[in-house]
C-alpha atoms as a PDB file:
ATOM      1  CA  MET A   1    -104.960-109.788 -68.964  1.00  0.00           C
ATOM      2  CA  ALA A   2    -107.856-110.280 -71.482  1.00  0.00           C
ATOM      3  CA  GLU A   3    -110.532-112.875 -70.794  1.00  0.00           C
ATOM      4  CA  ARG A   4    -110.640-115.505 -73.402  1.00  0.00           C
ATOM      5  CA  LYS A   5    -113.690-115.080 -75.837  1.00  0.00           C
ATOM      6  CA  ASP A   6    -114.996-118.615 -75.380  1.00  0.00           C
ATOM      7  CA  LYS A   7    -115.576-118.205 -71.491  1.00  0.00           C
ATOM      8  CA  LYS A   8    -118.703-116.334 -70.049  1.00  0.00           C
ATOM      9  CA  LYS A   9    -118.112-114.389 -67.022  1.00  0.00           C
ATOM     10  CA  VAL A  10    -120.621-115.906 -64.413  1.00  0.00           C
ATOM     11  CA  VAL A  11    -121.896-113.080 -62.019  1.00  0.00           C
ATOM     12  CA  GLY A  12    -124.396-113.925 -58.904  1.00  0.00           C
ATOM     13  CA  GLU A  13    -124.917-117.467 -59.993  1.00  0.00           C
ATOM     14  CA  PRO A  14    -126.311-118.991 -56.947  1.00  0.00           C
ATOM     15  CA  MET A  15    -124.383-120.774 -54.031  1.00  0.00           C
ATOM     16  CA  THR A  16    -125.079-124.299 -53.149  1.00  0.00           C
ATOM     17  CA  ASP A  17    -125.907-125.320 -49.620  1.00  0.00           C
ATOM     18  CA  GLU A  18    -122.677-127.099 -49.443  1.00  0.00           C
ATOM     19  CA  GLN A  19    -120.715-123.926 -50.830  1.00  0.00           C
ATOM     20  CA  ILE A  20    -122.318-122.189 -47.993  1.00  0.00           C
ATOM     21  CA  LYS A  21    -122.141-124.345 -45.495  1.00  0.00           C
ATOM     22  CA  VAL A  22    -118.065-124.758 -45.757  1.00  0.00           C
ATOM     23  CA  PHE A  23    -118.192-121.224 -44.118  1.00  0.00           C
ATOM     24  CA  LEU A  24    -119.019-123.182 -40.843  1.00  0.00           C
ATOM     25  CA  ASP A  25    -116.105-125.013 -40.774  1.00  0.00           C
ATOM     26  CA  PHE A  26    -113.366-122.212 -41.091  1.00  0.00           C
ATOM     27  CA  GLN A  27    -110.857-122.379 -37.955  1.00  0.00           C
ATOM     28  CA  PRO A  28    -110.481-119.007 -36.222  1.00  0.00           C
ATOM     29  CA  GLU A  29    -107.003-117.641 -35.327  1.00  0.00           C
ATOM     30  CA  ASP A  30    -105.377-118.430 -31.799  1.00  0.00           C
ATOM     31  CA  GLY A  31    -107.967-117.400 -28.846  1.00  0.00           C
ATOM     32  CA  GLU A  32    -110.245-115.807 -31.765  1.00  0.00           C
ATOM     33  CA  ASN A  33    -114.066-117.088 -30.907  1.00  0.00           C
ATOM     34  CA  PRO A  34    -114.771-119.625 -33.545  1.00  0.00           C
ATOM     35  CA  ASP A  35    -118.706-118.448 -33.867  1.00  0.00           C
ATOM     36  CA  PHE A  36    -117.440-114.601 -34.009  1.00  0.00           C
ATOM     37  CA  HIS A  37    -114.689-115.523 -36.914  1.00  0.00           C
ATOM     38  CA  VAL A  38    -117.221-117.740 -39.193  1.00  0.00           C
ATOM     39  CA  LEU A  39    -119.774-115.280 -38.722  1.00  0.00           C
ATOM     40  CA  LEU A  40    -117.299-112.372 -39.896  1.00  0.00           C
ATOM     41  CA  LYS A  41    -115.685-114.625 -43.044  1.00  0.00           C
ATOM     42  CA  ALA A  42    -119.558-115.469 -44.020  1.00  0.00           C
ATOM     43  CA  TYR A  43    -120.246-111.677 -44.034  1.00  0.00           C
ATOM     44  CA  ARG A  44    -117.625-110.689 -45.747  1.00  0.00           C
ATOM     45  CA  ALA A  45    -117.514-113.157 -48.588  1.00  0.00           C
ATOM     46  CA  LEU A  46    -121.245-113.906 -49.076  1.00  0.00           C
ATOM     47  CA  ARG A  47    -124.799-111.877 -50.804  1.00  0.00           C
ATOM     48  CA  PRO A  48    -127.279-111.316 -48.425  1.00  0.00           C
ATOM     49  CA  GLU A  49    -129.530-113.735 -49.606  1.00  0.00           C
ATOM     50  CA  ASP A  50    -126.542-116.474 -49.006  1.00  0.00           C
ATOM     51  CA  PHE A  51    -125.694-115.429 -45.504  1.00  0.00           C
ATOM     52  CA  GLU A  52    -129.577-115.126 -44.822  1.00  0.00           C
ATOM     53  CA  ARG A  53    -129.279-119.066 -45.584  1.00  0.00           C
ATOM     54  CA  PHE A  54    -125.625-119.264 -43.817  1.00  0.00           C
ATOM     55  CA  VAL A  55    -127.633-117.672 -40.595  1.00  0.00           C
ATOM     56  CA  ALA A  56    -130.094-120.758 -40.767  1.00  0.00           C
ATOM     57  CA  PHE A  57    -127.240-123.337 -40.756  1.00  0.00           C
ATOM     58  CA  PHE A  58    -125.100-121.422 -38.024  1.00  0.00           C
ATOM     59  CA  GLN A  59    -128.464-121.562 -35.953  1.00  0.00           C
ATOM     60  CA  ALA A  60    -129.201-125.177 -36.272  1.00  0.00           C
ATOM     61  CA  GLN A  61    -125.941-125.930 -35.103  1.00  0.00           C
ATOM     62  CA  ASN A  62    -127.045-124.032 -31.998  1.00  0.00           C
ATOM     63  CA  ARG A  63    -123.602-121.651 -32.625  1.00  0.00           C
ATOM     64  CA  ASP A  64    -123.840-118.264 -30.820  1.00  0.00           C
ATOM     65  CA  ILE A  65    -124.967-115.610 -33.255  1.00  0.00           C
ATOM     66  CA  ARG A  66    -124.130-113.065 -30.381  1.00  0.00           C
ATOM     67  CA  ALA A  67    -120.315-114.295 -30.374  1.00  0.00           C
ATOM     68  CA  THR A  68    -118.048-111.184 -29.830  1.00  0.00           C
ATOM     69  CA  ASP A  69    -114.895-110.516 -31.101  1.00  0.00           C
ATOM     70  CA  ASP A  70    -111.835-109.545 -28.810  1.00  0.00           C
ATOM     71  CA  GLN A  71    -113.224-105.918 -28.242  1.00  0.00           C
ATOM     72  CA  GLY A  72    -116.333-107.280 -27.465  1.00  0.00           C
ATOM     73  CA  ARG A  73    -118.260-106.356 -30.339  1.00  0.00           C
ATOM     74  CA  THR A  74    -120.656-108.672 -32.126  1.00  0.00           C
ATOM     75  CA  LEU A  75    -121.186-108.946 -35.863  1.00  0.00           C
ATOM     76  CA  LEU A  76    -124.343-106.690 -35.658  1.00  0.00           C
ATOM     77  CA  ASP A  77    -122.494-104.187 -33.799  1.00  0.00           C
ATOM     78  CA  ILE A  78    -119.658-103.762 -36.299  1.00  0.00           C
ATOM     79  CA  VAL A  79    -122.262-104.340 -39.745  1.00  0.00           C
ATOM     80  CA  ARG A  80    -124.347-101.461 -38.054  1.00  0.00           C
ATOM     81  CA  GLY A  81    -121.162 -99.200 -38.914  1.00  0.00           C
ATOM     82  CA  HIS A  82    -121.033-100.229 -42.601  1.00  0.00           C
ATOM     83  CA  GLY A  83    -122.498 -98.326 -45.494  1.00  0.00           C
ATOM     84  CA  ARG A  84    -125.082-100.547 -47.370  1.00  0.00           C
ATOM     85  CA  SER A  85    -125.232-103.253 -44.804  1.00  0.00           C
ATOM     86  CA  GLU A  86    -128.971-102.876 -44.444  1.00  0.00           C
ATOM     87  CA  PRO A  87    -129.929-106.452 -45.615  1.00  0.00           C
ATOM     88  CA  PHE A  88    -127.152-107.920 -43.412  1.00  0.00           C
ATOM     89  CA  VAL A  89    -128.313-105.918 -40.161  1.00  0.00           C
ATOM     90  CA  ALA A  90    -131.993-107.462 -40.747  1.00  0.00           C
ATOM     91  CA  ILE A  91    -131.008-110.834 -40.907  1.00  0.00           C
ATOM     92  CA  LEU A  92    -128.580-110.327 -37.930  1.00  0.00           C
ATOM     93  CA  GLU A  93    -131.546-108.681 -36.274  1.00  0.00           C
ATOM     94  CA  GLN A  94    -133.746-111.602 -36.859  1.00  0.00           C
ATOM     95  CA  ALA A  95    -131.795-113.766 -35.679  1.00  0.00           C
ATOM     96  CA  GLY A  96    -131.279-112.235 -32.531  1.00  0.00           C
ATOM     97  CA  GLY A  97    -127.765-111.266 -33.348  1.00  0.00           C
END
């Protein structure tokens, strides 16, 4: 499908606080840790600079940065195994993850 010539493709536009805070409200599947769920969703969707802001909002709600999945892994455990994840690892380590 061709892009319309009168529409400019917008890439990398900064997200607002409200757009980032939406991730705090994502509901988990049955039995899934709610804190782990929102951390994983945010990690998968956000750029490092937006993820860093998300983590600050997350912690301001006194949520668990060390929440685990059903296999006992924290998000930091998972992210360490991903390529080009250094910025996310640093953010999670700084937050106590």
